[in-house]
C-alpha atoms as a PDB file:
ATOM      1  CA  MET A   1      -0.132  -6.700   6.086  1.00  0.00           C
ATOM      2  CA  GLN A   2       2.825  -9.291   6.476  1.00  0.00           C
ATOM      3  CA  ASN A   3       2.876  -9.282   2.665  1.00  0.00           C
ATOM      4  CA  LEU A   4       3.779  -5.792   2.357  1.00  0.00           C
ATOM      5  CA  ARG A   5       6.778  -6.125   4.738  1.00  0.00           C
ATOM      6  CA  ASN A   6       7.767  -9.313   2.679  1.00  0.00           C
ATOM      7  CA  ILE A   7       7.662  -7.114  -0.415  1.00  0.00           C
ATOM      8  CA  ALA A   8       9.706  -4.518   1.113  1.00  0.00           C
ATOM      9  CA  ASN A   9      12.242  -6.818   2.441  1.00  0.00           C
ATOM     10  CA  GLN A  10      12.505  -8.592  -0.972  1.00  0.00           C
ATOM     11  CA  ALA A  11      13.127  -5.227  -2.542  1.00  0.00           C
ATOM     12  CA  VAL A  12      15.773  -4.499   0.097  1.00  0.00           C
ATOM     13  CA  ASP A  13      17.452  -7.852  -0.731  1.00  0.00           C
ATOM     14  CA  ASP A  14      17.273  -7.178  -4.418  1.00  0.00           C
ATOM     15  CA  VAL A  15      18.884  -3.803  -4.124  1.00  0.00           C
ATOM     16  CA  ASN A  16      21.502  -5.251  -1.637  1.00  0.00           C
ATOM     17  CA  ALA A  17      22.451  -7.916  -4.211  1.00  0.00           C
ATOM     18  CA  ILE A  18      23.590  -5.262  -6.867  1.00  0.00           C
ATOM     19  CA  LEU A  19      25.505  -2.938  -4.431  1.00  0.00           C
ATOM     20  CA  LYS A  20      29.199  -3.234  -4.211  1.00  0.00           C
ATOM     21  CA  SER A  21      28.982  -2.850  -0.341  1.00  0.00           C
ATOM     22  CA  LYS A  22      26.119  -4.352   1.290  1.00  0.00           C
ATOM     23  CA  PHE A  23      23.713  -2.416   3.770  1.00  0.00           C
ATOM     24  CA  THR A  24      24.135  -2.374   7.409  1.00  0.00           C
ATOM     25  CA  LYS A  25      21.322  -3.877   9.532  1.00  0.00           C
ATOM     26  CA  GLU A  26      20.264  -0.333  10.492  1.00  0.00           C
ATOM     27  CA  GLN A  27      20.382   0.737   6.833  1.00  0.00           C
ATOM     28  CA  GLU A  28      18.502  -2.506   5.792  1.00  0.00           C
ATOM     29  CA  GLU A  29      15.658  -1.557   8.227  1.00  0.00           C
ATOM     30  CA  GLN A  30      15.503   1.944   7.140  1.00  0.00           C
ATOM     31  CA  VAL A  31      15.402   1.217   3.330  1.00  0.00           C
ATOM     32  CA  ALA A  32      12.697  -1.380   4.030  1.00  0.00           C
ATOM     33  CA  ALA A  33      10.508   1.143   5.719  1.00  0.00           C
ATOM     34  CA  ILE A  34      10.934   3.599   2.950  1.00  0.00           C
ATOM     35  CA  ILE A  35      10.002   0.886   0.341  1.00  0.00           C
ATOM     36  CA  GLU A  36       7.098  -0.342   2.551  1.00  0.00           C
ATOM     37  CA  LYS A  37       5.872   3.259   2.799  1.00  0.00           C
ATOM     38  CA  ALA A  38       5.954   3.483  -1.055  1.00  0.00           C
ATOM     39  CA  VAL A  39       4.255   0.281  -1.472  1.00  0.00           C
ATOM     40  CA  ILE A  40       1.446   1.582   0.933  1.00  0.00           C
ATOM     41  CA  LYS A  41       1.217   4.962  -0.950  1.00  0.00           C
ATOM     42  CA  ALA A  42       0.923   2.847  -4.204  1.00  0.00           C
ATOM     43  CA  LEU A  43      -1.820   0.678  -2.896  1.00  0.00           C
ATOM     44  CA  LEU A  44      -3.742   3.586  -1.517  1.00  0.00           C
ATOM     45  CA  GLU A  45      -3.471   5.576  -4.740  1.00  0.00           C
ATOM     46  CA  GLY A  46      -4.913   2.418  -6.585  1.00  0.00           C
ATOM     47  CA  GLN A  47      -7.827   2.204  -4.195  1.00  0.00           C
ATOM     48  CA  HIS A  48      -8.510   6.029  -4.627  1.00  0.00           C
ATOM     49  CA  ARG A  49      -8.748   5.448  -8.431  1.00  0.00           C
ATOM     50  CA  ALA A  50     -10.993   2.523  -7.818  1.00  0.00           C
ATOM     51  CA  VAL A  51     -13.245   4.788  -5.739  1.00  0.00           C
ATOM     52  CA  ASP A  52     -13.299   7.497  -8.449  1.00  0.00           C
ATOM     53  CA  ALA A  53     -13.993   4.839 -11.059  1.00  0.00           C
ATOM     54  CA  ALA A  54     -16.940   3.648  -9.064  1.00  0.00           C
ATOM     55  CA  LEU A  55     -18.402   7.020  -8.788  1.00  0.00           C
ATOM     56  CA  LYS A  56     -18.306   7.818 -12.417  1.00  0.00           C
ATOM     57  CA  HIS A  57     -21.442   5.987 -13.290  1.00  0.00           C
ATOM     58  CA  THR A  58     -24.963   6.948 -14.397  1.00  0.00           C
ATOM     59  CA  GLU A  59     -27.643   7.990 -11.814  1.00  0.00           C
ATOM     60  CA  THR A  60     -29.233   4.508 -11.782  1.00  0.00           C
ATOM     61  CA  GLU A  61     -25.977   2.851 -10.941  1.00  0.00           C
ATOM     62  CA  GLN A  62     -24.977   5.536  -8.386  1.00  0.00           C
ATOM     63  CA  ASP A  63     -26.478   3.771  -5.258  1.00  0.00           C
ATOM     64  CA  ILE A  64     -24.254   0.576  -6.105  1.00  0.00           C
ATOM     65  CA  ALA A  65     -21.336   2.732  -6.803  1.00  0.00           C
ATOM     66  CA  HIS A  66     -21.492   4.557  -3.544  1.00  0.00           C
ATOM     67  CA  LYS A  67     -21.753   1.209  -1.667  1.00  0.00           C
ATOM     68  CA  ILE A  68     -18.741   0.142  -3.583  1.00  0.00           C
ATOM     69  CA  ALA A  69     -16.867   3.155  -2.956  1.00  0.00           C
ATOM     70  CA  ASN A  70     -17.871   3.155   0.950  1.00  0.00           C
ATOM     71  CA  SER A  71     -16.627  -0.341   0.918  1.00  0.00           C
ATOM     72  CA  ILE A  72     -13.296   0.481  -0.503  1.00  0.00           C
ATOM     73  CA  ARG A  73     -12.921   3.311   1.844  1.00  0.00           C
ATOM     74  CA  ARG A  74     -13.655   1.211   4.923  1.00  0.00           C
ATOM     75  CA  LYS A  75     -10.986  -1.137   3.769  1.00  0.00           C
ATOM     76  CA  ASN A  76      -8.591   1.661   3.280  1.00  0.00           C
ATOM     77  CA  ASP A  77      -9.233   2.802   6.912  1.00  0.00           C
ATOM     78  CA  LEU A  78      -8.838  -0.738   8.109  1.00  0.00           C
ATOM     79  CA  LEU A  79      -5.361  -1.128   6.212  1.00  0.00           C
ATOM     80  CA  ILE A  80      -4.257   2.254   7.511  1.00  0.00           C
ATOM     81  CA  ALA A  81      -5.008   1.239  11.176  1.00  0.00           C
ATOM     82  CA  ASN A  82      -3.297  -2.217  10.742  1.00  0.00           C
ATOM     83  CA  LEU A  83      -0.221  -0.796   9.066  1.00  0.00           C
ATOM     84  CA  SER A  84      -0.039   1.866  11.831  1.00  0.00           C
ATOM     85  CA  SER A  85      -0.005  -0.747  14.594  1.00  0.00           C
ATOM     86  CA  LEU A  86       2.760  -2.523  12.822  1.00  0.00           C
ATOM     87  CA  ARG A  87       5.166   0.368  13.482  1.00  0.00           C
END
């Protein structure tokens, strides 16, 4: 989960580098939180697409697809729980 925070902080640094006046520390924290939320939403959207793709198989493959989808959902739940605890 720390990697997401690092990605958000790097994005803040990149944005700060192109601004004429730098963010205050409070603004930096707020922008990092906004970017982190956007990254999380993007990750979850990707995982939802993976679940949808796993479920679009023939009946003979459905058992494996459901197992994969359930695994992805469990990891989503774990990700959300871990990210919520970081706040």
